[in-house]
Amino acid sequence: MKKTTLTKFLIAPVAFGVMVGTAAAKDVEQGWFVQGNIGQATGHESSASLVNEVADVGDLQSMRILSDKRRSWNIGGGYKFDQNLSVALNITDLGVIELDSHGDHDAIAGIKALSGTATGLTAMYSHPLTEEISAHVRGGLAHLSARSNRTDAGHGTSDGSNSGLTFGVGASYAITSNLDALVDWDRFQFDREVDVISAGVRYTFGEVMTQKAKPAPAPAPVVKPVVEKQPEPAPVVKPAPVAPLKPMAVTVYFGNNSSSLNNETLTVLNNAKSQLVNDRVDTVNVSGFASSTGNAAYNQMLSEKRAKKVAAYIKQNWSVDADKVVVTASGEKYANEAPTGAKARKVTVTVKFN
């Protein structure tokens, strides 16, 4: 056999297996099986090479093929290990070729027909395409037994044999869980090549084992969220009630027809400052007065001038907001209430607290 043919035989099953990969079918069949096919055989040979193979003759005259009756059949059996791998032993009838032979050589004189039977041992790989349809590829060794039938003028029959490789591809359809319909193409590689296309059935005796579905994973445990205990809010401390403060009042006096702040006046104002609660001061009322001596309009202006002088000092030295200091002037309005005129020339400062 040619080296290229052997290479094709070795590469074809491997390439097919890589192409289809490995898949999981619904059912996994295992057990012994039998099968039978019928079909058509086609030879790639000349009539002369056929005779030479059977009769071992080197000097051949021209021969003519009268009828190529290449009906073929196949019977066999084997064992299926699982859904993918099986082995089989098959006997294949390669058909009959009718010849018209003539010549002087005794070995070929009167040959009327050639027939051959191939016995093959093969391994097969199957790949499920659907739940019912599978594709397969196989390869192995085959032994050819050939026979030539002669006329009465010849020498009866003559037998020959040869060994070689066989390989093929096909498909199957699951009619039931045990019965499959087959379509196959096979090549027998001897000194000549023979192709067989056939169809048939296969019956598997083994039990059908259904793959058990993997159990669903257990649900993940429910983790209850950890609720952190919130700290209790701090108790609201109500501020202690603030004791009300009584208004503070001071009076400073001025000389006749004067609005100047003398030392005695400054001492009184500074002493009052030391008694203040500054953050609770609400208003500081500064009121100016004058005696009834002189013109009333002048006295009004003089009382206002005295009040503004005291207010300016308070704003500058008492640390009190300026907008809390309120200035008023009454002139000689209350002069008659004073025991003497000197007591009427004054400014009163009244501080109210909140």
Protein backbone atom coordinates (compact mmCIF):
# COMPACT_ATOMS: atom_id res chain seq x y z
CA MET A 1 0.00 0.00 0.00
CA LYS A 2 1.22 3.50 -0.77
CA LYS A 3 2.53 5.66 2.06
CA THR A 4 0.16 8.53 1.19
CA THR A 5 -2.85 6.24 1.56
CA LEU A 6 -1.73 5.15 5.04
CA THR A 7 -1.24 8.79 6.01
CA LYS A 8 -4.76 9.65 4.87
CA PHE A 9 -6.14 6.73 6.84
CA LEU A 10 -4.41 7.80 10.05
CA ILE A 11 -5.22 11.51 9.72
CA ALA A 12 -8.89 11.21 8.71
CA PRO A 13 -10.26 9.74 12.00
CA VAL A 14 -8.15 12.09 14.12
CA ALA A 15 -9.27 15.17 12.18
CA PHE A 16 -12.89 14.11 12.35
CA GLY A 17 -12.69 13.47 16.10
CA VAL A 18 -11.11 16.88 16.74
CA MET A 19 -13.74 18.55 14.57
CA VAL A 20 -16.77 17.07 16.32
CA GLY A 21 -15.31 17.13 19.84
CA THR A 22 -16.89 15.32 22.76
CA ALA A 23 -20.54 15.83 23.68
CA ALA A 24 -23.01 14.28 26.09
CA ALA A 25 -26.04 12.46 24.67
CA LYS A 26 -29.29 11.99 26.48
CA ASP A 27 -28.83 8.20 26.79
CA VAL A 28 -25.66 6.14 27.23
CA GLU A 29 -25.91 2.71 25.55
CA GLN A 30 -23.63 -0.17 26.50
CA GLY A 31 -23.63 -3.80 25.37
CA TRP A 32 -23.31 -6.24 22.47
CA PHE A 33 -24.79 -5.43 19.08
CA VAL A 34 -25.39 -6.98 15.65
CA GLN A 35 -25.83 -5.17 12.35
CA GLY A 36 -26.48 -5.76 8.67
CA ASN A 37 -26.10 -3.53 5.58
CA ILE A 38 -26.75 -3.76 1.86
CA GLY A 39 -25.28 -1.43 -0.73
CA GLN A 40 -23.14 -0.84 -3.79
CA ALA A 41 -19.40 -1.50 -4.24
CA THR A 42 -17.19 0.45 -6.64
CA GLY A 43 -13.70 -0.74 -7.57
CA HIS A 44 -10.71 1.35 -8.60
CA GLU A 45 -8.85 -1.28 -10.62
CA SER A 46 -8.32 -2.70 -14.11
CA SER A 47 -9.48 -6.20 -15.05
CA ALA A 48 -5.87 -7.21 -15.56
CA SER A 49 -4.87 -6.28 -12.01
CA LEU A 50 -7.81 -8.33 -10.67
CA VAL A 51 -6.64 -11.44 -12.49
CA ASN A 52 -3.06 -10.88 -11.45
CA GLU A 53 -4.12 -10.64 -7.80
CA VAL A 54 -6.13 -13.86 -7.95
CA ALA A 55 -4.02 -15.93 -10.34
CA ASP A 56 -0.63 -14.33 -9.62
CA VAL A 57 0.12 -13.89 -13.32
CA GLY A 58 2.51 -11.25 -14.59
CA ASP A 59 2.10 -11.68 -18.38
CA LEU A 60 -1.54 -10.70 -19.07
CA GLN A 61 -3.44 -10.18 -22.29
CA SER A 62 -6.16 -7.61 -22.61
CA MET A 63 -9.32 -8.45 -20.68
CA ARG A 64 -12.77 -6.93 -20.98
CA ILE A 65 -15.31 -6.43 -18.14
CA LEU A 66 -18.67 -7.75 -19.32
CA SER A 67 -20.77 -7.04 -16.21
CA ASP A 68 -19.90 -5.23 -12.98
CA LYS A 69 -22.38 -6.82 -10.56
CA ARG A 70 -21.18 -4.97 -7.53
CA ARG A 71 -24.07 -5.42 -5.17
CA SER A 72 -22.60 -5.62 -1.69
CA TRP A 73 -23.74 -6.76 1.71
CA ASN A 74 -22.31 -6.63 5.19
CA ILE A 75 -23.02 -8.51 8.42
CA GLY A 76 -21.25 -8.25 11.72
CA GLY A 77 -21.37 -7.54 15.39
CA GLY A 78 -19.39 -6.06 18.22
CA TYR A 79 -19.43 -4.44 21.62
CA LYS A 80 -20.35 -0.87 22.53
CA PHE A 81 -18.40 0.37 25.55
CA ASP A 82 -20.22 3.69 25.92
CA GLN A 83 -21.91 6.33 23.78
CA ASN A 84 -18.64 7.05 21.92
CA LEU A 85 -16.43 3.96 21.61
CA SER A 86 -17.15 0.52 20.15
CA VAL A 87 -15.37 -2.34 18.31
CA ALA A 88 -16.80 -4.56 15.57
CA LEU A 89 -16.00 -7.62 13.44
CA ASN A 90 -17.64 -7.48 9.99
CA ILE A 91 -17.78 -9.61 6.85
CA THR A 92 -18.33 -7.60 3.66
CA ASP A 93 -19.12 -9.08 0.26
CA LEU A 94 -17.46 -6.85 -2.35
CA GLY A 95 -19.59 -8.08 -5.27
CA VAL A 96 -18.93 -9.99 -8.52
CA ILE A 97 -17.22 -8.81 -11.73
CA GLU A 98 -17.90 -10.80 -14.92
CA LEU A 99 -14.93 -10.91 -17.35
CA ASP A 100 -14.21 -12.00 -20.91
CA SER A 101 -10.72 -13.54 -20.80
CA HIS A 102 -8.83 -15.25 -23.60
CA GLY A 103 -5.24 -15.97 -24.44
CA ASP A 104 -2.57 -18.60 -24.42
CA HIS A 105 -1.67 -18.35 -20.75
CA ASP A 106 -3.22 -21.19 -18.78
CA ALA A 107 -3.57 -19.04 -15.66
CA ILE A 108 -6.04 -16.65 -17.25
CA ALA A 109 -7.69 -18.81 -19.88
CA GLY A 110 -11.41 -19.16 -19.29
CA ILE A 111 -11.72 -16.75 -16.31
CA LYS A 112 -15.36 -15.64 -16.30
CA ALA A 113 -15.87 -13.90 -12.96
CA LEU A 114 -14.04 -12.47 -9.98
CA SER A 115 -15.50 -12.12 -6.48
CA GLY A 116 -14.12 -11.02 -3.12
CA THR A 117 -15.02 -11.03 0.56
CA ALA A 118 -13.38 -8.77 3.16
CA THR A 119 -13.25 -9.57 6.86
CA GLY A 120 -12.52 -6.48 8.95
CA LEU A 121 -11.81 -5.69 12.59
CA THR A 122 -12.48 -2.01 13.29
CA ALA A 123 -12.76 0.48 16.13
CA MET A 124 -15.46 3.15 15.87
CA TYR A 125 -15.89 6.55 17.49
CA SER A 126 -19.42 8.02 17.58
CA HIS A 127 -20.45 11.58 18.33
CA PRO A 128 -24.09 12.49 19.12
CA LEU A 129 -25.32 15.48 17.10
CA THR A 130 -28.85 15.45 18.54
CA GLU A 131 -30.75 13.08 20.83
CA GLU A 132 -31.49 10.81 17.84
CA ILE A 133 -28.73 11.45 15.27
CA SER A 134 -25.04 10.55 15.67
CA ALA A 135 -22.04 10.70 13.33
CA HIS A 136 -19.27 8.11 13.46
CA VAL A 137 -15.82 7.37 12.07
CA ARG A 138 -14.02 4.02 12.11
CA GLY A 139 -10.80 2.38 11.03
CA GLY A 140 -9.01 -0.94 11.30
CA LEU A 141 -7.56 -3.94 9.45
CA ALA A 142 -9.19 -6.09 6.76
CA HIS A 143 -8.35 -9.39 5.04
CA LEU A 144 -9.45 -10.01 1.42
CA SER A 145 -10.39 -13.45 0.15
CA ALA A 146 -10.73 -13.37 -3.68
CA ARG A 147 -11.88 -16.12 -6.06
CA SER A 148 -11.85 -16.50 -9.85
CA ASN A 149 -14.50 -18.71 -11.50
CA ARG A 150 -13.52 -20.38 -14.79
CA THR A 151 -15.28 -22.17 -17.60
CA ASP A 152 -15.24 -25.91 -18.01
CA ALA A 153 -12.30 -25.53 -20.36
CA GLY A 154 -10.35 -23.87 -17.59
CA HIS A 155 -9.17 -25.16 -14.28
CA GLY A 156 -12.23 -24.66 -12.01
CA THR A 157 -11.61 -22.01 -9.37
CA SER A 158 -8.57 -20.18 -8.12
CA ASP A 159 -8.27 -18.41 -4.77
CA GLY A 160 -6.13 -15.51 -3.58
CA SER A 161 -5.86 -13.31 -0.50
CA ASN A 162 -4.53 -9.97 0.57
CA SER A 163 -4.52 -7.78 3.69
CA GLY A 164 -4.81 -4.05 4.11
CA LEU A 165 -6.54 -1.22 5.88
CA THR A 166 -10.17 -0.20 6.01
CA PHE A 167 -11.75 3.02 7.16
CA GLY A 168 -15.04 4.85 6.80
CA VAL A 169 -17.57 7.37 8.03
CA GLY A 170 -21.32 7.30 8.52
CA ALA A 171 -24.35 8.35 10.50
CA SER A 172 -27.02 6.66 12.58
CA TYR A 173 -30.58 7.50 13.57
CA ALA A 174 -32.07 6.10 16.79
CA ILE A 175 -35.42 4.49 15.89
CA THR A 176 -35.77 3.18 19.45
CA SER A 177 -33.41 3.09 22.39
CA ASN A 178 -31.91 -0.18 21.01
CA LEU A 179 -32.51 -0.04 17.24
CA ASP A 180 -30.59 2.32 14.92
CA ALA A 181 -30.77 2.96 11.17
CA LEU A 182 -27.32 3.26 9.50
CA VAL A 183 -25.82 4.94 6.44
CA ASP A 184 -22.12 4.18 5.79
CA TRP A 185 -19.27 4.78 3.39
CA ASP A 186 -16.26 2.42 3.68
CA ARG A 187 -13.01 2.05 1.79
CA PHE A 188 -10.99 -1.17 1.64
CA GLN A 189 -7.34 -0.52 0.85
CA PHE A 190 -5.66 -3.57 -0.70
CA ASP A 191 -3.46 -3.61 -3.81
CA ARG A 192 -6.54 -2.01 -5.32
CA GLU A 193 -9.15 0.20 -3.65
CA VAL A 194 -12.81 -0.68 -3.22
CA ASP A 195 -15.48 1.76 -1.94
CA VAL A 196 -18.77 0.54 -0.47
CA ILE A 197 -21.82 2.73 0.13
CA SER A 198 -24.50 0.96 2.18
CA ALA A 199 -27.49 1.30 4.47
CA GLY A 200 -28.71 -0.98 7.23
CA VAL A 201 -29.74 -1.41 10.84
CA ARG A 202 -28.00 -2.11 14.15
CA TYR A 203 -29.54 -3.67 17.24
CA THR A 204 -27.92 -3.21 20.66
CA PHE A 205 -28.72 -5.77 23.36
CA GLY A 206 -27.34 -3.83 26.30
CA GLU A 207 -29.38 -1.81 28.74
CA VAL A 208 -29.94 1.85 28.13
CA MET A 209 -28.45 3.87 30.94
CA THR A 210 -29.77 7.38 31.33
CA GLN A 211 -27.25 9.82 32.63
CA LYS A 212 -28.33 11.16 35.94
CA ALA A 213 -28.65 14.86 36.08
CA LYS A 214 -26.24 16.49 38.41
CA PRO A 215 -27.98 17.54 41.60
CA ALA A 216 -28.62 21.20 41.87
CA PRO A 217 -26.13 22.89 44.15
CA ALA A 218 -27.35 23.48 47.65
CA PRO A 219 -28.60 27.00 48.13
CA ALA A 220 -26.16 29.29 49.78
CA PRO A 221 -26.90 29.81 53.46
CA VAL A 222 -28.84 32.93 54.17
CA VAL A 223 -26.63 35.24 56.13
CA LYS A 224 -28.66 37.52 58.31
CA PRO A 225 -27.28 41.01 58.27
CA VAL A 226 -25.70 42.05 61.52
CA VAL A 227 -27.52 45.08 62.78
CA GLU A 228 -25.23 47.17 64.85
CA LYS A 229 -26.83 48.46 67.97
CA GLN A 230 -27.06 52.18 67.73
CA PRO A 231 -25.84 54.03 70.78
CA GLU A 232 -28.58 55.60 72.78
CA PRO A 233 -28.75 59.32 72.24
CA ALA A 234 -27.30 61.38 75.00
CA PRO A 235 -29.95 62.80 77.26
CA VAL A 236 -30.90 66.32 76.45
CA VAL A 237 -29.75 68.50 79.27
CA LYS A 238 -32.05 71.41 79.63
CA PRO A 239 -30.22 74.55 80.57
CA ALA A 240 -30.83 75.71 84.06
CA PRO A 241 -33.19 78.63 84.16
CA VAL A 242 -31.35 81.92 84.22
CA ALA A 243 -32.22 84.14 87.14
CA PRO A 244 -33.47 87.50 85.94
CA LEU A 245 -31.16 90.44 86.55
CA LYS A 246 -32.48 93.70 87.85
CA PRO A 247 -31.75 96.78 85.80
CA MET A 248 -28.66 98.74 86.88
CA ALA A 249 -28.84 102.56 87.08
CA VAL A 250 -26.09 105.12 87.70
CA THR A 251 -26.13 108.92 87.65
CA VAL A 252 -23.30 111.33 86.91
CA TYR A 253 -23.42 115.13 87.45
CA PHE A 254 -22.05 118.11 85.51
CA GLY A 255 -21.05 121.66 86.38
CA ASN A 256 -23.06 124.72 85.40
CA ASN A 257 -23.14 125.18 81.63
CA SER A 258 -20.68 122.20 81.23
CA SER A 259 -20.68 118.87 79.36
CA SER A 260 -17.16 117.76 80.30
CA LEU A 261 -16.52 114.43 82.04
CA ASN A 262 -14.58 115.16 85.24
CA ASN A 263 -12.71 112.62 87.38
CA GLU A 264 -15.68 112.01 89.64
CA THR A 265 -17.88 111.25 86.60
CA LEU A 266 -15.29 108.84 85.17
CA THR A 267 -14.96 107.03 88.51
CA VAL A 268 -18.72 106.43 88.67
CA LEU A 269 -18.81 105.11 85.08
CA ASN A 270 -15.81 102.79 85.63
CA ASN A 271 -17.34 101.35 88.80
CA ALA A 272 -20.54 100.63 86.90
CA LYS A 273 -18.55 98.86 84.16
CA SER A 274 -17.11 96.40 86.70
CA GLN A 275 -20.65 95.36 87.70
CA LEU A 276 -21.83 94.61 84.15
CA VAL A 277 -22.70 91.11 82.89
CA ASN A 278 -21.75 91.91 79.32
CA ASP A 279 -23.22 88.81 77.61
CA ARG A 280 -26.65 89.63 79.04
CA VAL A 281 -26.80 93.36 78.29
CA ASP A 282 -29.96 94.15 76.36
CA THR A 283 -30.00 97.97 76.19
CA VAL A 284 -28.11 100.89 77.71
CA ASN A 285 -30.33 103.98 77.96
CA VAL A 286 -28.36 107.23 78.32
CA SER A 287 -30.59 110.29 79.22
CA GLY A 288 -29.30 113.86 79.50
CA PHE A 289 -30.83 116.65 81.66
CA ALA A 290 -30.29 120.39 82.39
CA SER A 291 -31.37 122.89 85.05
CA SER A 292 -33.93 125.61 84.41
CA THR A 293 -31.32 128.34 84.51
CA GLY A 294 -31.07 130.09 81.17
CA ASN A 295 -32.83 129.60 77.85
CA ALA A 296 -34.88 126.40 77.47
CA ALA A 297 -33.69 125.73 73.90
CA TYR A 298 -30.11 126.09 74.97
CA ASN A 299 -30.71 123.78 77.91
CA GLN A 300 -32.19 121.16 75.52
CA MET A 301 -29.06 121.28 73.39
CA LEU A 302 -26.83 121.14 76.49
CA SER A 303 -28.62 118.06 77.88
CA GLU A 304 -28.20 116.27 74.57
CA LYS A 305 -24.52 117.17 74.45
CA ARG A 306 -24.00 115.77 77.98
CA ALA A 307 -25.79 112.49 77.05
CA LYS A 308 -23.72 112.02 73.89
CA LYS A 309 -20.47 112.56 75.83
CA VAL A 310 -21.41 109.79 78.30
CA ALA A 311 -22.64 107.47 75.52
CA ALA A 312 -19.36 107.87 73.62
CA TYR A 313 -17.38 106.91 76.71
CA ILE A 314 -19.56 103.83 77.31
CA LYS A 315 -19.20 102.63 73.72
CA GLN A 316 -15.44 102.98 73.94
CA ASN A 317 -14.87 101.48 77.39
CA TRP A 318 -17.73 99.18 78.38
CA SER A 319 -17.37 96.52 75.61
CA VAL A 320 -21.02 96.92 74.73
CA ASP A 321 -22.33 96.81 71.17
CA ALA A 322 -22.88 100.36 69.94
CA ASP A 323 -26.36 99.56 68.63
CA LYS A 324 -27.46 98.71 72.18
CA VAL A 325 -26.69 102.25 73.43
CA VAL A 326 -29.73 104.56 73.14
CA VAL A 327 -29.34 108.34 73.69
CA THR A 328 -32.19 110.67 74.74
CA ALA A 329 -32.19 114.33 75.88
CA SER A 330 -34.90 115.91 78.07
CA GLY A 331 -33.49 119.46 78.58
CA GLU A 332 -34.98 121.18 81.62
CA LYS A 333 -38.17 119.11 81.53
CA TYR A 334 -37.57 117.48 84.90
CA ALA A 335 -35.59 120.33 86.48
CA ASN A 336 -38.32 121.21 88.98
CA GLU A 337 -38.16 117.70 90.44
CA ALA A 338 -34.55 118.19 91.55
CA PRO A 339 -34.03 119.67 95.04
CA THR A 340 -31.49 122.17 93.74
CA GLY A 341 -30.34 123.28 90.30
CA ALA A 342 -27.04 121.42 90.63
CA LYS A 343 -28.84 118.05 90.90
CA ALA A 344 -30.70 118.77 87.66
CA ARG A 345 -27.48 119.02 85.62
CA LYS A 346 -27.03 115.25 85.14
CA VAL A 347 -27.00 112.15 82.90
CA THR A 348 -28.66 108.90 83.97
CA VAL A 349 -27.46 105.52 82.63
CA THR A 350 -29.93 102.62 82.90
CA VAL A 351 -28.74 99.13 81.86
CA LYS A 352 -31.40 96.47 81.18
CA PHE A 353 -30.44 92.78 81.02
CA ASN A 354 -32.05 89.89 79.12
